[in-house]
Amino acid sequence: MTNLEIVKSTYEGKTSEENGANLAKYVAKDIKWTEAKGFPYAGTYIGLEEIAKNVFDRLGSEWINYTFTPDTYVADGNIVVAIGTYTGTYKKTNKAFSARVAHFWTLEKRKIVSFEQIVDSKTVAEALNN
């Protein structure tokens, strides 16, 4: 698989479980995952276990229908960028949001070694507040 195909496989499976399995298959053991400053889960996490605990588990438990819909990919060597839109409804406030986002992936030897999120977090923050 190409780097672009690997990244696409983490978004475009038939289910979120398939996407998660593909992510787990291709991440490096010491992957560095950075959620943007201003985003509710901001920070840098190392390894899939830390990422799951601090990002994915929270997205799954705190939101209704939280999704990332990619509409553009750009691939250049070891870098793949996915550009799209986040949507979802925050359970505590029942407020929905939509935000543009870019995900920057770096791969080495068919393994994902880093991920960085760049997001318009204003609409996300508004959904969190009553």
C-alpha atoms as a PDB file:
ATOM      1  CA  MET A   1       0.000   0.000   0.000  1.00  0.00           C
ATOM      2  CA  THR A   2       1.084   3.573  -0.613  1.00  0.00           C
ATOM      3  CA  ASN A   3       1.218   6.122   2.207  1.00  0.00           C
ATOM      4  CA  LEU A   4      -1.937   7.722   0.804  1.00  0.00           C
ATOM      5  CA  GLU A   5      -3.763   4.375   0.757  1.00  0.00           C
ATOM      6  CA  ILE A   6      -2.711   3.688   4.353  1.00  0.00           C
ATOM      7  CA  VAL A   7      -4.093   7.024   5.569  1.00  0.00           C
ATOM      8  CA  LYS A   8      -7.280   6.644   3.529  1.00  0.00           C
ATOM      9  CA  SER A   9      -7.818   3.228   5.128  1.00  0.00           C
ATOM     10  CA  THR A  10      -8.121   4.912   8.546  1.00  0.00           C
ATOM     11  CA  TYR A  11     -11.054   7.028   7.320  1.00  0.00           C
ATOM     12  CA  GLU A  12     -12.835   5.159   4.572  1.00  0.00           C
ATOM     13  CA  GLY A  13     -13.659   1.757   6.053  1.00  0.00           C
ATOM     14  CA  LYS A  14     -17.235   0.515   6.175  1.00  0.00           C
ATOM     15  CA  THR A  15     -17.386   1.059   9.967  1.00  0.00           C
ATOM     16  CA  SER A  16     -15.524   3.071  12.597  1.00  0.00           C
ATOM     17  CA  GLU A  17     -14.297  -0.267  13.974  1.00  0.00           C
ATOM     18  CA  GLU A  18     -12.698  -1.066  10.617  1.00  0.00           C
ATOM     19  CA  ASN A  19     -11.076   2.376  10.561  1.00  0.00           C
ATOM     20  CA  GLY A  20      -9.746   1.826  14.084  1.00  0.00           C
ATOM     21  CA  ALA A  21      -8.379  -1.601  13.171  1.00  0.00           C
ATOM     22  CA  ASN A  22      -6.590  -0.108  10.177  1.00  0.00           C
ATOM     23  CA  LEU A  23      -5.127   2.650  12.332  1.00  0.00           C
ATOM     24  CA  ALA A  24      -3.895   0.084  14.861  1.00  0.00           C
ATOM     25  CA  LYS A  25      -2.386  -1.974  12.031  1.00  0.00           C
ATOM     26  CA  TYR A  26      -0.325   0.917  10.650  1.00  0.00           C
ATOM     27  CA  VAL A  27       0.724   3.022  13.660  1.00  0.00           C
ATOM     28  CA  ALA A  28       4.268   2.888  14.920  1.00  0.00           C
ATOM     29  CA  LYS A  29       4.543   1.738  18.523  1.00  0.00           C
ATOM     30  CA  ASP A  30       5.765   5.199  19.581  1.00  0.00           C
ATOM     31  CA  ILE A  31       3.488   7.293  17.350  1.00  0.00           C
ATOM     32  CA  LYS A  32       3.314  10.959  18.374  1.00  0.00           C
ATOM     33  CA  TRP A  33      -0.283  12.242  18.141  1.00  0.00           C
ATOM     34  CA  THR A  34      -0.999  15.972  18.587  1.00  0.00           C
ATOM     35  CA  GLU A  35      -4.466  17.420  19.095  1.00  0.00           C
ATOM     36  CA  ALA A  36      -4.596  21.178  18.460  1.00  0.00           C
ATOM     37  CA  LYS A  37      -4.409  23.822  21.166  1.00  0.00           C
ATOM     38  CA  GLY A  38      -7.943  25.064  21.846  1.00  0.00           C
ATOM     39  CA  PHE A  39      -9.430  21.653  21.035  1.00  0.00           C
ATOM     40  CA  PRO A  40     -11.053  19.858  24.030  1.00  0.00           C
ATOM     41  CA  TYR A  41      -8.488  17.044  23.927  1.00  0.00           C
ATOM     42  CA  ALA A  42      -5.468  19.255  23.209  1.00  0.00           C
ATOM     43  CA  GLY A  43      -2.068  17.774  23.832  1.00  0.00           C
ATOM     44  CA  THR A  44       0.469  15.335  22.483  1.00  0.00           C
ATOM     45  CA  TYR A  45       0.042  11.642  23.192  1.00  0.00           C
ATOM     46  CA  ILE A  46       2.568   8.881  22.603  1.00  0.00           C
ATOM     47  CA  GLY A  47       1.451   5.393  21.597  1.00  0.00           C
ATOM     48  CA  LEU A  48      -1.919   4.014  20.590  1.00  0.00           C
ATOM     49  CA  GLU A  49      -3.021   3.266  24.159  1.00  0.00           C
ATOM     50  CA  GLU A  50      -2.551   6.910  25.227  1.00  0.00           C
ATOM     51  CA  ILE A  51      -4.284   8.132  22.069  1.00  0.00           C
ATOM     52  CA  ALA A  52      -7.258   5.831  22.612  1.00  0.00           C
ATOM     53  CA  LYS A  53      -7.627   6.868  26.269  1.00  0.00           C
ATOM     54  CA  ASN A  54      -7.244  10.625  25.750  1.00  0.00           C
ATOM     55  CA  VAL A  55      -8.906  11.068  22.348  1.00  0.00           C
ATOM     56  CA  PHE A  56     -10.944   8.217  20.877  1.00  0.00           C
ATOM     57  CA  ASP A  57     -12.569   6.954  24.084  1.00  0.00           C
ATOM     58  CA  ARG A  58     -13.643  10.490  24.941  1.00  0.00           C
ATOM     59  CA  LEU A  59     -14.934  11.213  21.441  1.00  0.00           C
ATOM     60  CA  GLY A  60     -16.984   8.017  21.637  1.00  0.00           C
ATOM     61  CA  SER A  61     -18.411   8.694  25.089  1.00  0.00           C
ATOM     62  CA  GLU A  62     -18.908  12.481  25.059  1.00  0.00           C
ATOM     63  CA  TRP A  63     -20.335  13.017  21.574  1.00  0.00           C
ATOM     64  CA  ILE A  64     -23.217  11.795  19.428  1.00  0.00           C
ATOM     65  CA  ASN A  65     -22.287  10.948  15.835  1.00  0.00           C
ATOM     66  CA  TYR A  66     -18.853  12.588  16.004  1.00  0.00           C
ATOM     67  CA  THR A  67     -17.345  12.172  12.547  1.00  0.00           C
ATOM     68  CA  PHE A  68     -14.569  13.398  10.310  1.00  0.00           C
ATOM     69  CA  THR A  69     -15.530  13.534   6.645  1.00  0.00           C
ATOM     70  CA  PRO A  70     -12.495  13.930   4.394  1.00  0.00           C
ATOM     71  CA  ASP A  71     -12.961  15.694   1.089  1.00  0.00           C
ATOM     72  CA  THR A  72      -9.362  16.232  -0.055  1.00  0.00           C
ATOM     73  CA  TYR A  73      -6.085  14.381   0.328  1.00  0.00           C
ATOM     74  CA  VAL A  74      -2.633  15.669  -0.510  1.00  0.00           C
ATOM     75  CA  ALA A  75       0.311  13.274  -0.551  1.00  0.00           C
ATOM     76  CA  ASP A  76       3.965  14.235  -0.860  1.00  0.00           C
ATOM     77  CA  GLY A  77       6.494  11.550  -0.036  1.00  0.00           C
ATOM     78  CA  ASN A  78       6.181  10.627   3.646  1.00  0.00           C
ATOM     79  CA  ILE A  79       3.540  13.290   4.350  1.00  0.00           C
ATOM     80  CA  VAL A  80      -0.185  12.855   3.761  1.00  0.00           C
ATOM     81  CA  VAL A  81      -2.700  15.588   4.540  1.00  0.00           C
ATOM     82  CA  ALA A  82      -6.416  14.886   4.889  1.00  0.00           C
ATOM     83  CA  ILE A  83      -8.674  17.944   4.738  1.00  0.00           C
ATOM     84  CA  GLY A  84     -12.321  17.792   5.672  1.00  0.00           C
ATOM     85  CA  THR A  85     -15.008  18.548   8.222  1.00  0.00           C
ATOM     86  CA  TYR A  86     -15.739  17.442  11.764  1.00  0.00           C
ATOM     87  CA  THR A  87     -19.394  17.214  12.829  1.00  0.00           C
ATOM     88  CA  GLY A  88     -21.121  15.976  15.936  1.00  0.00           C
ATOM     89  CA  THR A  89     -23.338  16.828  18.899  1.00  0.00           C
ATOM     90  CA  TYR A  90     -21.952  17.264  22.402  1.00  0.00           C
ATOM     91  CA  LYS A  91     -24.010  15.089  24.778  1.00  0.00           C
ATOM     92  CA  LYS A  92     -23.945  17.406  27.819  1.00  0.00           C
ATOM     93  CA  THR A  93     -25.272  20.444  25.933  1.00  0.00           C
ATOM     94  CA  ASN A  94     -27.024  18.744  23.000  1.00  0.00           C
ATOM     95  CA  LYS A  95     -25.337  21.336  20.746  1.00  0.00           C
ATOM     96  CA  ALA A  96     -24.189  20.361  17.273  1.00  0.00           C
ATOM     97  CA  PHE A  97     -21.144  21.766  15.493  1.00  0.00           C
ATOM     98  CA  SER A  98     -19.286  21.694  12.202  1.00  0.00           C
ATOM     99  CA  ALA A  99     -15.607  22.621  11.867  1.00  0.00           C
ATOM    100  CA  ARG A 100     -13.041  22.539   9.095  1.00  0.00           C
ATOM    101  CA  VAL A 101      -9.951  20.487   9.859  1.00  0.00           C
ATOM    102  CA  ALA A 102      -6.669  19.290   8.411  1.00  0.00           C
ATOM    103  CA  HIS A 103      -4.843  16.179   9.584  1.00  0.00           C
ATOM    104  CA  PHE A 104      -1.107  15.940   8.872  1.00  0.00           C
ATOM    105  CA  TRP A 105       0.232  12.377   8.863  1.00  0.00           C
ATOM    106  CA  THR A 106       3.910  11.399   8.657  1.00  0.00           C
ATOM    107  CA  LEU A 107       4.823   7.851   7.690  1.00  0.00           C
ATOM    108  CA  GLU A 108       8.097   5.949   7.680  1.00  0.00           C
ATOM    109  CA  LYS A 109       8.427   2.448   6.203  1.00  0.00           C
ATOM    110  CA  ARG A 110       4.627   2.036   5.941  1.00  0.00           C
ATOM    111  CA  LYS A 111       4.104   3.003   9.595  1.00  0.00           C
ATOM    112  CA  ILE A 112       2.402   6.156  10.860  1.00  0.00           C
ATOM    113  CA  VAL A 113       4.935   7.910  13.091  1.00  0.00           C
ATOM    114  CA  SER A 114       3.095  11.177  13.725  1.00  0.00           C
ATOM    115  CA  PHE A 115      -0.260  12.893  13.420  1.00  0.00           C
ATOM    116  CA  GLU A 116      -1.057  16.585  13.866  1.00  0.00           C
ATOM    117  CA  GLN A 117      -4.528  18.104  13.911  1.00  0.00           C
ATOM    118  CA  ILE A 118      -5.205  21.660  12.788  1.00  0.00           C
ATOM    119  CA  VAL A 119      -8.799  22.655  13.423  1.00  0.00           C
ATOM    120  CA  ASP A 120     -11.111  25.638  13.684  1.00  0.00           C
ATOM    121  CA  SER A 121     -11.885  24.892  17.335  1.00  0.00           C
ATOM    122  CA  LYS A 122     -14.221  27.869  17.895  1.00  0.00           C
ATOM    123  CA  THR A 123     -17.362  25.980  16.853  1.00  0.00           C
ATOM    124  CA  VAL A 124     -16.258  22.947  18.895  1.00  0.00           C
ATOM    125  CA  ALA A 125     -15.822  25.113  22.001  1.00  0.00           C
ATOM    126  CA  GLU A 126     -19.236  26.702  21.432  1.00  0.00           C
ATOM    127  CA  ALA A 127     -20.848  23.223  21.419  1.00  0.00           C
ATOM    128  CA  LEU A 128     -19.259  22.494  24.818  1.00  0.00           C
ATOM    129  CA  ASN A 129     -20.746  25.540  26.514  1.00  0.00           C
ATOM    130  CA  ASN A 130     -24.344  26.042  27.623  1.00  0.00           C
END
